[in-house]
Amino acid sequence: MKKILIYTSVLILYIYTPTAEAESNIFGSGARTCGELIADSSGPYDDFQGVGWISGYMSALNVEYGFTKGIDNSFESIYYAVLSRCKETPLELMQEAIVHVWIYEL
């Protein structure tokens, strides 16, 4: 019985340990580099996946920290703010550019 508890505890720790580092678990459009966003950029109307990811990520930041940043801004202006940040730092992840815009520009 003791061995079953030990094995179960180890298994649970093994499963949940990688999710403890939320910053390294970025998936989807936010995992692209800013250079890729710049290369693929043809405006907010042609990048629905990127615009959706930006909006969703900012919404998640607002919920997590209890803010309402960006609700008065259009999705176009937020997209271009992220794109501008990406042009300054093309080696960053798109997620890092979004966080920068969310903290300093909204």
C-alpha atoms as a PDB file:
ATOM      1  CA  MET A   1       0.000   0.000   0.000  1.00  0.00           C
ATOM      2  CA  LYS A   2       2.881   2.329   0.831  1.00  0.00           C
ATOM      3  CA  LYS A   3       4.464   1.675  -2.563  1.00  0.00           C
ATOM      4  CA  ILE A   4       1.230   2.528  -4.362  1.00  0.00           C
ATOM      5  CA  LEU A   5       1.069   5.900  -2.577  1.00  0.00           C
ATOM      6  CA  ILE A   6       4.693   6.642  -3.422  1.00  0.00           C
ATOM      7  CA  TYR A   7       4.257   5.696  -7.085  1.00  0.00           C
ATOM      8  CA  THR A   8       1.054   7.706  -7.323  1.00  0.00           C
ATOM      9  CA  SER A   9       2.736  10.757  -5.774  1.00  0.00           C
ATOM     10  CA  VAL A  10       5.690  10.510  -8.126  1.00  0.00           C
ATOM     11  CA  LEU A  11       3.384  10.115 -11.114  1.00  0.00           C
ATOM     12  CA  ILE A  12       1.350  13.180 -10.150  1.00  0.00           C
ATOM     13  CA  LEU A  13       4.497  15.271  -9.664  1.00  0.00           C
ATOM     14  CA  TYR A  14       5.854  14.043 -12.990  1.00  0.00           C
ATOM     15  CA  ILE A  15       2.668  15.009 -14.811  1.00  0.00           C
ATOM     16  CA  TYR A  16       2.188  18.465 -13.276  1.00  0.00           C
ATOM     17  CA  THR A  17       5.773  19.703 -12.978  1.00  0.00           C
ATOM     18  CA  PRO A  18       6.166  20.873 -16.603  1.00  0.00           C
ATOM     19  CA  THR A  19       3.058  23.047 -16.341  1.00  0.00           C
ATOM     20  CA  ALA A  20       4.501  24.955 -13.391  1.00  0.00           C
ATOM     21  CA  GLU A  21       6.512  27.099 -15.797  1.00  0.00           C
ATOM     22  CA  ALA A  22       3.695  28.804 -17.679  1.00  0.00           C
ATOM     23  CA  GLU A  23       6.024  31.063 -19.658  1.00  0.00           C
ATOM     24  CA  SER A  24       7.614  28.123 -21.443  1.00  0.00           C
ATOM     25  CA  ASN A  25       4.247  26.649 -22.408  1.00  0.00           C
ATOM     26  CA  ILE A  26       3.285  29.039 -25.188  1.00  0.00           C
ATOM     27  CA  PHE A  27       1.458  27.444 -28.103  1.00  0.00           C
ATOM     28  CA  GLY A  28      -0.105  28.703 -31.317  1.00  0.00           C
ATOM     29  CA  SER A  29       0.597  32.081 -32.870  1.00  0.00           C
ATOM     30  CA  GLY A  30       2.232  33.452 -29.728  1.00  0.00           C
ATOM     31  CA  ALA A  31       5.050  30.926 -30.070  1.00  0.00           C
ATOM     32  CA  ARG A  32       6.140  32.456 -33.375  1.00  0.00           C
ATOM     33  CA  THR A  33       9.027  34.893 -33.390  1.00  0.00           C
ATOM     34  CA  CYS A  34       8.408  38.519 -34.132  1.00  0.00           C
ATOM     35  CA  GLY A  35      10.473  38.123 -37.292  1.00  0.00           C
ATOM     36  CA  GLU A  36       7.970  35.558 -38.542  1.00  0.00           C
ATOM     37  CA  LEU A  37       5.101  37.924 -37.736  1.00  0.00           C
ATOM     38  CA  ILE A  38       6.818  40.702 -39.694  1.00  0.00           C
ATOM     39  CA  ALA A  39       7.514  38.428 -42.670  1.00  0.00           C
ATOM     40  CA  ASP A  40       3.940  37.111 -42.760  1.00  0.00           C
ATOM     41  CA  SER A  41       2.282  40.431 -41.966  1.00  0.00           C
ATOM     42  CA  SER A  42      -0.234  41.640 -44.505  1.00  0.00           C
ATOM     43  CA  GLY A  43      -2.415  43.537 -42.047  1.00  0.00           C
ATOM     44  CA  PRO A  44      -4.858  42.655 -39.299  1.00  0.00           C
ATOM     45  CA  TYR A  45      -7.596  41.710 -41.749  1.00  0.00           C
ATOM     46  CA  ASP A  46      -5.545  38.886 -43.281  1.00  0.00           C
ATOM     47  CA  ASP A  47      -4.074  37.521 -40.037  1.00  0.00           C
ATOM     48  CA  PHE A  48      -7.209  36.410 -38.210  1.00  0.00           C
ATOM     49  CA  GLN A  49      -5.351  33.761 -36.223  1.00  0.00           C
ATOM     50  CA  GLY A  50      -2.746  36.248 -34.999  1.00  0.00           C
ATOM     51  CA  VAL A  51      -5.334  38.904 -34.146  1.00  0.00           C
ATOM     52  CA  GLY A  52      -7.421  36.323 -32.301  1.00  0.00           C
ATOM     53  CA  TRP A  53      -4.400  35.095 -30.382  1.00  0.00           C
ATOM     54  CA  ILE A  54      -3.407  38.644 -29.403  1.00  0.00           C
ATOM     55  CA  SER A  55      -6.944  39.445 -28.249  1.00  0.00           C
ATOM     56  CA  GLY A  56      -7.297  36.212 -26.319  1.00  0.00           C
ATOM     57  CA  TYR A  57      -3.913  36.521 -24.642  1.00  0.00           C
ATOM     58  CA  MET A  58      -4.589  40.111 -23.589  1.00  0.00           C
ATOM     59  CA  SER A  59      -7.983  39.060 -22.263  1.00  0.00           C
ATOM     60  CA  ALA A  60      -6.308  36.317 -20.236  1.00  0.00           C
ATOM     61  CA  LEU A  61      -3.803  38.831 -18.823  1.00  0.00           C
ATOM     62  CA  ASN A  62      -6.663  41.152 -17.882  1.00  0.00           C
ATOM     63  CA  VAL A  63      -8.544  38.361 -16.126  1.00  0.00           C
ATOM     64  CA  GLU A  64      -5.447  37.092 -14.342  1.00  0.00           C
ATOM     65  CA  TYR A  65      -4.413  40.497 -13.002  1.00  0.00           C
ATOM     66  CA  GLY A  66      -7.836  42.142 -12.676  1.00  0.00           C
ATOM     67  CA  PHE A  67      -7.348  44.886 -15.278  1.00  0.00           C
ATOM     68  CA  THR A  68      -9.375  46.102 -18.237  1.00  0.00           C
ATOM     69  CA  LYS A  69      -6.499  47.251 -20.449  1.00  0.00           C
ATOM     70  CA  GLY A  70      -7.182  47.547 -24.153  1.00  0.00           C
ATOM     71  CA  ILE A  71     -10.976  47.390 -24.044  1.00  0.00           C
ATOM     72  CA  ASP A  72     -11.246  50.893 -25.533  1.00  0.00           C
ATOM     73  CA  ASN A  73      -8.735  50.146 -28.300  1.00  0.00           C
ATOM     74  CA  SER A  74      -9.555  48.637 -31.667  1.00  0.00           C
ATOM     75  CA  PHE A  75      -8.032  45.303 -32.608  1.00  0.00           C
ATOM     76  CA  GLU A  76      -6.258  47.066 -35.485  1.00  0.00           C
ATOM     77  CA  SER A  77      -4.452  49.499 -33.183  1.00  0.00           C
ATOM     78  CA  ILE A  78      -3.394  46.707 -30.829  1.00  0.00           C
ATOM     79  CA  TYR A  79      -2.192  44.591 -33.774  1.00  0.00           C
ATOM     80  CA  TYR A  80      -0.104  47.471 -35.121  1.00  0.00           C
ATOM     81  CA  ALA A  81       1.307  48.210 -31.648  1.00  0.00           C
ATOM     82  CA  VAL A  82       2.433  44.570 -31.382  1.00  0.00           C
ATOM     83  CA  LEU A  83       3.815  44.703 -34.928  1.00  0.00           C
ATOM     84  CA  SER A  84       5.726  47.897 -34.072  1.00  0.00           C
ATOM     85  CA  ARG A  85       7.221  46.239 -31.001  1.00  0.00           C
ATOM     86  CA  CYS A  86       8.138  43.230 -33.124  1.00  0.00           C
ATOM     87  CA  LYS A  87       9.999  45.464 -35.575  1.00  0.00           C
ATOM     88  CA  GLU A  88      12.076  46.772 -32.650  1.00  0.00           C
ATOM     89  CA  THR A  89      12.861  43.273 -31.347  1.00  0.00           C
ATOM     90  CA  PRO A  90      12.490  40.712 -34.165  1.00  0.00           C
ATOM     91  CA  LEU A  91      14.058  37.847 -32.184  1.00  0.00           C
ATOM     92  CA  GLU A  92      11.470  38.000 -29.390  1.00  0.00           C
ATOM     93  CA  LEU A  93       8.477  35.722 -29.286  1.00  0.00           C
ATOM     94  CA  MET A  94       5.207  37.302 -30.325  1.00  0.00           C
ATOM     95  CA  GLN A  95       3.952  36.591 -26.785  1.00  0.00           C
ATOM     96  CA  GLU A  96       6.721  38.760 -25.311  1.00  0.00           C
ATOM     97  CA  ALA A  97       5.805  41.627 -27.636  1.00  0.00           C
ATOM     98  CA  ILE A  98       2.159  41.331 -26.587  1.00  0.00           C
ATOM     99  CA  VAL A  99       3.111  41.483 -22.902  1.00  0.00           C
ATOM    100  CA  HIS A 100       5.281  44.554 -23.552  1.00  0.00           C
ATOM    101  CA  VAL A 101       2.418  46.331 -25.329  1.00  0.00           C
ATOM    102  CA  TRP A 102      -0.018  45.299 -22.600  1.00  0.00           C
ATOM    103  CA  ILE A 103       2.233  46.616 -19.805  1.00  0.00           C
ATOM    104  CA  TYR A 104       3.667  49.787 -21.339  1.00  0.00           C
ATOM    105  CA  GLU A 105       1.375  50.961 -24.131  1.00  0.00           C
ATOM    106  CA  LEU A 106      -2.195  50.296 -23.023  1.00  0.00           C
END
